[in-house]
Protein backbone atom coordinates (compact mmCIF):
# COMPACT_ATOMS: atom_id res chain seq x y z
CA UNK A 1 127.14 106.12 89.10
CA UNK A 2 127.67 108.89 86.69
CA UNK A 3 129.31 112.31 87.42
CA UNK A 4 130.59 115.40 85.24
CA UNK A 5 133.31 117.67 86.66
CA UNK A 6 135.59 120.08 84.58
CA UNK A 7 139.04 118.64 85.58
CA UNK A 8 140.73 115.87 87.69
CA UNK A 9 140.78 118.20 90.81
CA UNK A 10 137.34 116.96 91.84
CA UNK A 11 136.98 113.27 90.93
CA UNK A 12 133.96 111.59 92.01
CA UNK A 13 133.54 109.14 94.96
CA UNK A 14 134.67 105.74 94.45
CA UNK A 15 131.63 103.18 95.24
CA UNK A 16 132.42 100.39 97.67
CA UNK A 17 133.53 97.05 96.08
CA UNK A 18 131.70 93.86 95.89
CA UNK A 19 132.59 90.39 97.28
CA UNK A 20 131.44 87.31 95.57
CA UNK A 21 131.91 83.79 96.87
CA UNK A 22 133.81 81.33 94.05
CA UNK A 23 133.38 77.94 95.00
CA UNK A 24 136.17 76.67 92.37
CA UNK A 25 138.66 79.63 93.62
CA UNK A 26 141.85 78.05 95.06
CA UNK A 27 143.87 81.16 95.24
CA UNK A 28 145.26 83.05 98.56
CA UNK A 29 142.76 84.44 100.93
CA UNK A 30 142.60 87.90 99.44
CA UNK A 31 140.43 89.32 102.22
CA UNK A 32 142.64 87.79 104.95
CA UNK A 33 139.65 87.03 107.14
CA UNK A 34 138.61 83.44 108.63
CA UNK A 35 136.27 81.59 106.77
CA UNK A 36 136.81 83.71 103.79
CA UNK A 37 139.14 81.62 101.76
CA UNK A 38 136.99 81.46 98.51
CA UNK A 39 135.62 84.87 98.93
CA UNK A 40 136.77 87.38 95.85
CA UNK A 41 136.47 91.00 95.94
CA UNK A 42 135.35 92.92 92.75
CA UNK A 43 136.35 96.34 92.82
CA UNK A 44 135.03 99.20 90.42
CA UNK A 45 136.54 100.36 87.13
CA UNK A 46 136.47 103.81 85.66
CA UNK A 47 135.30 104.59 82.01
CA UNK A 48 136.47 107.88 80.56
CA UNK A 49 134.95 109.61 77.53
CA UNK A 50 135.23 113.28 76.17
CA UNK A 51 131.88 114.79 75.27
CA UNK A 52 131.49 118.33 73.76
CA UNK A 53 129.00 120.80 75.59
CA UNK A 54 126.95 123.40 74.26
CA UNK A 55 129.89 125.82 74.66
CA UNK A 56 131.83 123.46 72.38
CA UNK A 57 134.22 122.78 75.03
CA UNK A 58 135.20 119.36 75.94
CA UNK A 59 133.80 117.94 79.21
CA UNK A 60 135.26 114.82 80.36
CA UNK A 61 132.57 112.28 81.34
CA UNK A 62 133.77 109.45 83.93
CA UNK A 63 131.36 106.50 84.75
CA UNK A 64 132.34 104.18 87.95
CA UNK A 65 130.61 100.96 88.24
CA UNK A 66 131.30 97.45 89.08
CA UNK A 67 132.14 95.26 86.21
CA UNK A 68 129.41 92.90 86.32
CA UNK A 69 126.64 91.60 83.88
CA UNK A 70 123.34 90.47 84.45
CA UNK A 71 122.62 86.94 83.62
CA UNK A 72 119.20 85.57 82.52
CA UNK A 73 117.55 82.09 83.25
CA UNK A 74 115.37 80.37 81.07
CA UNK A 75 114.20 76.72 80.46
CA UNK A 76 114.91 75.02 77.39
CA UNK A 77 111.23 75.17 76.29
CA UNK A 78 111.26 79.03 76.63
CA UNK A 79 114.75 79.57 75.15
CA UNK A 80 114.02 77.51 71.87
CA UNK A 81 115.03 79.37 68.78
CA UNK A 82 117.09 82.08 70.86
CA UNK A 83 120.88 82.63 70.43
CA UNK A 84 122.85 83.61 73.52
CA UNK A 85 126.78 84.65 73.49
CA UNK A 86 127.16 82.40 76.62
CA UNK A 87 125.05 79.84 78.03
CA UNK A 88 125.26 77.42 81.17
CA UNK A 89 123.01 74.21 80.89
CA UNK A 90 121.65 72.55 83.83
CA UNK A 91 119.23 69.76 82.79
CA UNK A 92 119.93 67.33 85.62
CA UNK A 93 116.61 65.22 86.02
CA UNK A 94 115.26 66.42 82.67
CA UNK A 95 117.57 64.17 80.22
CA UNK A 96 114.61 61.82 79.69
CA UNK A 97 112.41 64.62 77.73
CA UNK A 98 113.07 63.89 74.12
CA UNK A 99 114.98 66.79 72.40
CA UNK A 100 115.44 69.00 75.45
CA UNK A 101 119.21 68.42 75.65
CA UNK A 102 119.90 69.26 71.92
CA UNK A 103 117.59 72.36 72.11
CA UNK A 104 119.73 73.64 75.50
CA UNK A 105 123.25 72.96 74.09
CA UNK A 106 122.48 74.30 70.52
CA UNK A 107 121.65 78.09 71.80
CA UNK A 108 125.31 79.01 71.23
CA UNK A 109 127.61 79.44 67.97
CA UNK A 110 130.70 77.79 69.54
CA UNK A 111 131.07 74.83 72.21
CA UNK A 112 133.46 77.14 74.09
CA UNK A 113 130.52 79.22 74.66
CA UNK A 114 128.63 76.54 76.63
CA UNK A 115 129.31 75.11 80.03
CA UNK A 116 127.19 71.83 80.88
CA UNK A 117 126.89 71.32 84.67
CA UNK A 118 125.72 67.75 84.41
CA UNK A 119 126.37 65.78 81.58
CA UNK A 120 123.97 63.06 80.82
CA UNK A 121 125.10 59.21 80.62
CA UNK A 122 124.08 56.80 78.37
CA UNK A 123 121.05 55.42 80.26
CA UNK A 124 119.81 59.09 80.53
CA UNK A 125 119.36 59.41 76.98
CA UNK A 126 118.33 55.73 76.17
CA UNK A 127 115.51 56.20 78.66
CA UNK A 128 114.08 58.45 75.78
CA UNK A 129 113.14 55.41 73.79
CA UNK A 130 110.12 54.74 76.16
CA UNK A 131 108.53 57.52 74.20
CA UNK A 132 106.53 56.15 71.19
CA UNK A 133 107.22 59.46 69.31
CA UNK A 134 111.11 58.68 69.68
CA UNK A 135 110.67 55.42 68.05
CA UNK A 136 108.50 56.65 65.08
CA UNK A 137 110.94 59.62 64.40
CA UNK A 138 113.73 56.93 64.38
CA UNK A 139 111.64 54.46 62.10
CA UNK A 140 111.40 57.45 59.50
CA UNK A 141 114.84 58.13 59.51
CA UNK A 142 115.51 54.70 58.80
CA UNK A 143 113.13 54.91 55.80
CA UNK A 144 114.43 58.06 54.42
CA UNK A 145 118.28 56.59 54.36
CA UNK A 146 116.80 53.72 52.39
CA UNK A 147 115.19 55.74 50.00
CA UNK A 148 118.21 57.75 49.41
CA UNK A 149 120.47 54.93 49.20
CA UNK A 150 118.30 53.45 46.62
CA UNK A 151 118.24 56.83 44.57
CA UNK A 152 122.18 57.01 44.95
CA UNK A 153 122.55 53.62 43.54
CA UNK A 154 120.51 54.22 40.45
CA UNK A 155 122.18 57.68 39.71
CA UNK A 156 125.43 55.72 39.76
CA UNK A 157 127.12 58.48 41.97
CA UNK A 158 130.83 57.78 41.18
CA UNK A 159 130.54 53.93 42.13
CA UNK A 160 131.26 52.18 38.85
CA UNK A 161 130.09 48.77 40.67
CA UNK A 162 126.30 49.71 40.06
CA UNK A 163 125.72 48.65 36.40
CA UNK A 164 122.12 48.31 35.08
CA UNK A 165 122.25 44.42 35.63
CA UNK A 166 123.70 44.95 39.34
CA UNK A 167 120.75 47.40 40.03
CA UNK A 168 118.01 45.21 38.89
CA UNK A 169 119.52 42.39 40.87
CA UNK A 170 119.73 44.90 44.02
CA UNK A 171 116.18 45.91 43.49
CA UNK A 172 114.93 42.29 43.39
CA UNK A 173 116.68 41.53 46.64
CA UNK A 174 115.30 44.63 48.51
CA UNK A 175 111.84 43.92 47.10
CA UNK A 176 111.72 40.45 48.20
CA UNK A 177 113.41 40.81 51.43
CA UNK A 178 110.80 43.68 52.23
CA UNK A 179 107.83 41.40 50.97
CA UNK A 180 108.76 38.30 52.84
CA UNK A 181 110.02 40.01 55.70
CA UNK A 182 113.68 38.41 55.41
CA UNK A 183 116.47 40.00 56.75
CA UNK A 184 119.37 40.85 54.08
CA UNK A 185 122.02 40.04 56.80
CA UNK A 186 120.57 36.82 58.41
CA UNK A 187 118.54 35.52 55.34
CA UNK A 188 121.30 35.57 52.69
CA UNK A 189 120.86 31.88 51.47
CA UNK A 190 117.15 32.19 51.16
CA UNK A 191 117.29 35.59 49.23
CA UNK A 192 119.76 34.29 46.86
CA UNK A 193 117.69 30.99 46.31
CA UNK A 194 114.64 33.62 45.56
CA UNK A 195 116.40 35.79 43.18
CA UNK A 196 118.23 32.95 41.45
CA UNK A 197 114.85 31.78 40.20
CA UNK A 198 114.19 35.24 38.76
CA UNK A 199 117.58 35.48 36.95
CA UNK A 200 118.39 32.09 35.84
CA UNK A 201 121.13 33.15 33.57
CA UNK A 202 123.18 34.96 36.65
CA UNK A 203 125.71 33.29 38.39
CA UNK A 204 125.13 32.70 42.14
CA UNK A 205 128.42 34.48 43.14
CA UNK A 206 127.34 37.65 41.20
CA UNK A 207 123.94 37.63 43.24
CA UNK A 208 126.26 37.11 46.52
CA UNK A 209 128.44 40.31 45.35
CA UNK A 210 125.51 42.38 45.24
CA UNK A 211 123.85 41.25 48.42
CA UNK A 212 127.30 42.10 50.07
CA UNK A 213 127.49 45.42 48.54
CA UNK A 214 123.79 46.19 50.00
CA UNK A 215 124.72 45.20 53.60
CA UNK A 216 127.58 47.82 53.45
CA UNK A 217 124.77 50.70 52.71
CA UNK A 218 121.83 51.52 54.70
CA UNK A 219 119.54 49.60 52.39
CA UNK A 220 119.80 46.49 54.49
CA UNK A 221 117.47 48.25 56.92
CA UNK A 222 114.61 47.93 54.59
CA UNK A 223 113.91 44.44 55.76
CA UNK A 224 114.71 44.90 59.42
CA UNK A 225 112.27 45.14 62.05
CA UNK A 226 110.98 48.86 62.75
CA UNK A 227 112.67 50.27 66.16
CA UNK A 228 111.10 48.66 69.19
CA UNK A 229 112.26 47.91 72.47
CA UNK A 230 112.29 44.40 73.81
CA UNK A 231 110.66 43.43 76.90
CA UNK A 232 114.02 43.16 78.69
CA UNK A 233 115.22 46.40 77.38
CA UNK A 234 111.79 48.04 78.54
CA UNK A 235 112.05 46.70 82.05
CA UNK A 236 115.52 47.85 82.22
CA UNK A 237 114.79 51.43 81.22
CA UNK A 238 111.62 51.68 83.40
CA UNK A 239 113.40 50.55 86.35
CA UNK A 240 116.19 52.86 85.85
CA UNK A 241 113.90 55.91 85.48
CA UNK A 242 111.91 54.88 88.47
CA UNK A 243 115.05 55.13 90.47
CA UNK A 244 115.90 58.38 89.10
CA UNK A 245 114.99 61.58 91.00
CA UNK A 246 113.35 63.82 88.52
CA UNK A 247 112.00 67.39 88.55
CA UNK A 248 108.33 68.12 88.06
CA UNK A 249 106.67 71.59 88.11
CA UNK A 250 109.59 73.12 90.03
CA UNK A 251 109.78 70.18 92.98
CA UNK A 252 111.78 67.24 93.07
CA UNK A 253 110.21 63.87 93.43
CA UNK A 254 111.03 60.43 92.92
CA UNK A 255 108.75 58.14 90.49
């Protein structure tokens, strides 16, 4: 309510206070009523402002209201791209949806402005691997890492190890590993033997040093199998998902 008056002799009538139930309140019983241990009264507050009227005389303005702000609720799909000063995230039963958790928690500018009611456990996030698009995205990410590591190596960005000769050895190891589907970590001896035939004048220990250096980078992923789920992992995740209660179209059901 908003009121105008000429002086403090005729103040507006104060509105009644509001009582809210706070589940995490552990203070005294403010209302002093049985059964109201976690009820907290919210009294109204006054806001004063001086405003000049048509007669150029200052008229005091007073606004009396409850210090409450309305809250909005939205799904993560609806809130995608939005920015909020404060947010509370409740995604219990929806963590299996790829990307939904990241979208929900990135709507605020700071973690201090975010409250997560139910935090997902490892299996809640791992079950996303049942989706083919998640595996495709991981395979693409690994391919980008391999390309960037190779470019970094050839540009010799601060690493004096990568001479022209060592880069030629590394390229041969990567190319042969990819062509013959050999693991750089597991098939070291086979790769050294193949590359030794291409660089006869190069010592075996030199090839080994280059190979070990590649293992320290992301380039070793070039010959690894694309991300996939083994039959055992697939059954584990499937059974976990079946035993979880998930929300679908506003209803709760068990799949």
